[in-house]
Amino acid sequence: MAVSQKSFFFFPDEPKFGGSDLCIHIMFNNR
């Protein structure tokens, strides 16, 4: 869970990294 939380802080809404889509993807993968 800590990793997903960090991802959210790292990519809040950056189009470069894919925005929140990437955050959700990372969170689901970490789950």
N, C-alpha and C. Protein backbone atom coordinates (compact mmCIF):
# COMPACT_ATOMS: atom_id res chain seq x y z
N MET A 1 0.84 -1.20 0.00
CA MET A 1 0.00 0.00 0.00
C MET A 1 0.88 1.26 0.00
N ALA A 2 1.99 1.18 0.67
CA ALA A 2 2.88 2.35 0.74
C ALA A 2 3.37 2.72 -0.67
N VAL A 3 3.61 1.70 -1.47
CA VAL A 3 4.11 1.96 -2.83
C VAL A 3 3.04 2.68 -3.65
N SER A 4 1.80 2.20 -3.54
CA SER A 4 0.73 2.83 -4.33
C SER A 4 0.53 4.27 -3.87
N GLN A 5 0.61 4.50 -2.57
CA GLN A 5 0.44 5.87 -2.06
C GLN A 5 1.56 6.76 -2.62
N LYS A 6 2.77 6.24 -2.65
CA LYS A 6 3.90 7.01 -3.18
C LYS A 6 3.67 7.30 -4.67
N SER A 7 3.15 6.31 -5.39
CA SER A 7 2.90 6.50 -6.81
C SER A 7 1.92 7.64 -7.02
N PHE A 8 0.91 7.71 -6.15
CA PHE A 8 -0.08 8.77 -6.27
C PHE A 8 0.60 10.13 -6.10
N PHE A 9 1.54 10.20 -5.15
CA PHE A 9 2.23 11.47 -4.92
C PHE A 9 3.21 11.77 -6.06
N PHE A 10 3.76 10.70 -6.63
CA PHE A 10 4.73 10.89 -7.70
C PHE A 10 4.06 11.28 -9.01
N PHE A 11 2.91 10.65 -9.30
CA PHE A 11 2.20 10.97 -10.54
C PHE A 11 0.77 11.37 -10.25
N PRO A 12 0.53 12.58 -9.74
CA PRO A 12 -0.83 13.04 -9.45
C PRO A 12 -1.62 13.31 -10.73
N ASP A 13 -1.02 14.01 -11.66
CA ASP A 13 -1.72 14.34 -12.92
C ASP A 13 -0.71 14.77 -13.97
N GLU A 14 0.30 13.93 -14.17
CA GLU A 14 1.34 14.27 -15.14
C GLU A 14 1.05 13.57 -16.45
N PRO A 15 0.77 14.33 -17.52
CA PRO A 15 0.50 13.72 -18.82
C PRO A 15 1.69 12.91 -19.32
N LYS A 16 2.91 13.30 -18.91
CA LYS A 16 4.12 12.58 -19.33
C LYS A 16 4.05 11.12 -18.89
N PHE A 17 3.62 10.92 -17.63
CA PHE A 17 3.62 9.57 -17.06
C PHE A 17 2.28 8.88 -17.27
N GLY A 18 1.33 9.56 -17.89
CA GLY A 18 0.04 8.92 -18.15
C GLY A 18 -1.05 9.40 -17.20
N GLY A 19 -0.73 10.39 -16.38
CA GLY A 19 -1.76 10.95 -15.49
C GLY A 19 -2.22 9.96 -14.43
N SER A 20 -3.46 10.12 -13.99
CA SER A 20 -3.99 9.25 -12.93
C SER A 20 -4.15 7.82 -13.43
N ASP A 21 -4.25 7.63 -14.77
CA ASP A 21 -4.39 6.28 -15.30
C ASP A 21 -3.24 5.40 -14.83
N LEU A 22 -2.02 5.93 -14.89
CA LEU A 22 -0.86 5.15 -14.48
C LEU A 22 -0.94 4.86 -12.98
N CYS A 23 -1.35 5.84 -12.20
CA CYS A 23 -1.47 5.65 -10.75
C CYS A 23 -2.41 4.50 -10.45
N ILE A 24 -3.57 4.51 -11.11
CA ILE A 24 -4.55 3.44 -10.88
C ILE A 24 -3.95 2.10 -11.30
N HIS A 25 -3.27 2.09 -12.43
CA HIS A 25 -2.68 0.85 -12.93
C HIS A 25 -1.66 0.32 -11.94
N ILE A 26 -0.79 1.20 -11.42
CA ILE A 26 0.23 0.78 -10.46
C ILE A 26 -0.43 0.27 -9.19
N MET A 27 -1.47 0.99 -8.72
CA MET A 27 -2.14 0.58 -7.49
C MET A 27 -2.74 -0.81 -7.65
N PHE A 28 -3.41 -1.03 -8.78
CA PHE A 28 -4.03 -2.34 -9.00
C PHE A 28 -2.96 -3.43 -9.09
N ASN A 29 -1.83 -3.10 -9.70
CA ASN A 29 -0.76 -4.09 -9.83
C ASN A 29 -0.15 -4.40 -8.46
N ASN A 30 -0.03 -3.37 -7.62
CA ASN A 30 0.54 -3.58 -6.29
C ASN A 30 -0.43 -4.35 -5.39
N ARG A 31 -1.72 -4.19 -5.68
CA ARG A 31 -2.71 -4.92 -4.89
C ARG A 31 -2.53 -6.40 -5.13
